[in-house]
């Protein structure tokens, strides 16, 4: 039973890291346009 919990925890951790990396990558791609995309709302950098 503990191995199942461990596998679920590892899966959640990988999913969190992947979504965080995707967010960082999209921010890096938009930096040259002067736009940073946040989950809630995009904000323009003056």
C-alpha atoms as a PDB file:
ATOM      1  CA  UNK A   1       0.000   0.000   0.000  1.00  0.00           C
ATOM      2  CA  UNK A   2       2.832   2.409   0.798  1.00  0.00           C
ATOM      3  CA  UNK A   3       4.339   1.785  -2.658  1.00  0.00           C
ATOM      4  CA  UNK A   4       1.044   2.892  -4.253  1.00  0.00           C
ATOM      5  CA  UNK A   5       1.085   6.129  -2.245  1.00  0.00           C
ATOM      6  CA  UNK A   6       4.722   6.665  -3.224  1.00  0.00           C
ATOM      7  CA  UNK A   7       3.938   6.186  -6.922  1.00  0.00           C
ATOM      8  CA  UNK A   8       1.024   8.640  -6.710  1.00  0.00           C
ATOM      9  CA  UNK A   9       3.240  11.186  -4.923  1.00  0.00           C
ATOM     10  CA  UNK A  10       5.955  10.838  -7.582  1.00  0.00           C
ATOM     11  CA  UNK A  11       3.358  11.214 -10.340  1.00  0.00           C
ATOM     12  CA  UNK A  12       1.978  14.393  -8.752  1.00  0.00           C
ATOM     13  CA  UNK A  13       5.492  15.780  -8.314  1.00  0.00           C
ATOM     14  CA  UNK A  14       6.349  15.122 -11.957  1.00  0.00           C
ATOM     15  CA  UNK A  15       3.084  16.755 -13.063  1.00  0.00           C
ATOM     16  CA  UNK A  16       3.786  19.836 -10.916  1.00  0.00           C
ATOM     17  CA  UNK A  17       7.337  20.152 -12.284  1.00  0.00           C
ATOM     18  CA  UNK A  18       6.104  19.754 -15.876  1.00  0.00           C
ATOM     19  CA  UNK A  19       3.402  22.406 -15.516  1.00  0.00           C
ATOM     20  CA  UNK A  20       5.865  24.756 -13.762  1.00  0.00           C
ATOM     21  CA  UNK A  21       8.419  24.272 -16.548  1.00  0.00           C
ATOM     22  CA  UNK A  22       5.746  24.902 -19.185  1.00  0.00           C
ATOM     23  CA  UNK A  23       4.843  28.162 -17.428  1.00  0.00           C
ATOM     24  CA  UNK A  24       8.502  29.235 -17.283  1.00  0.00           C
ATOM     25  CA  UNK A  25       9.011  28.390 -20.954  1.00  0.00           C
ATOM     26  CA  UNK A  26       5.942  30.396 -22.034  1.00  0.00           C
ATOM     27  CA  UNK A  27       7.142  33.370 -19.959  1.00  0.00           C
ATOM     28  CA  UNK A  28      10.598  33.178 -21.574  1.00  0.00           C
ATOM     29  CA  UNK A  29       9.049  33.004 -25.066  1.00  0.00           C
ATOM     30  CA  UNK A  30       6.911  36.086 -24.398  1.00  0.00           C
ATOM     31  CA  UNK A  31       9.632  38.203 -22.775  1.00  0.00           C
ATOM     32  CA  UNK A  32      10.937  39.568 -26.079  1.00  0.00           C
ATOM     33  CA  UNK A  33       7.421  40.842 -26.856  1.00  0.00           C
ATOM     34  CA  UNK A  34       7.260  42.607 -23.487  1.00  0.00           C
ATOM     35  CA  UNK A  35       4.397  40.431 -22.269  1.00  0.00           C
ATOM     36  CA  UNK A  36       4.544  38.097 -19.291  1.00  0.00           C
ATOM     37  CA  UNK A  37       1.733  35.547 -19.219  1.00  0.00           C
ATOM     38  CA  UNK A  38       0.403  34.768 -15.766  1.00  0.00           C
ATOM     39  CA  UNK A  39      -2.237  32.109 -15.099  1.00  0.00           C
ATOM     40  CA  UNK A  40      -4.777  34.802 -14.156  1.00  0.00           C
ATOM     41  CA  UNK A  41      -4.096  37.663 -16.553  1.00  0.00           C
ATOM     42  CA  UNK A  42      -1.381  38.770 -18.972  1.00  0.00           C
ATOM     43  CA  UNK A  43       0.404  41.950 -17.904  1.00  0.00           C
ATOM     44  CA  UNK A  44       2.403  44.243 -20.152  1.00  0.00           C
ATOM     45  CA  UNK A  45       5.796  45.503 -19.014  1.00  0.00           C
ATOM     46  CA  UNK A  46       6.192  49.223 -19.643  1.00  0.00           C
END
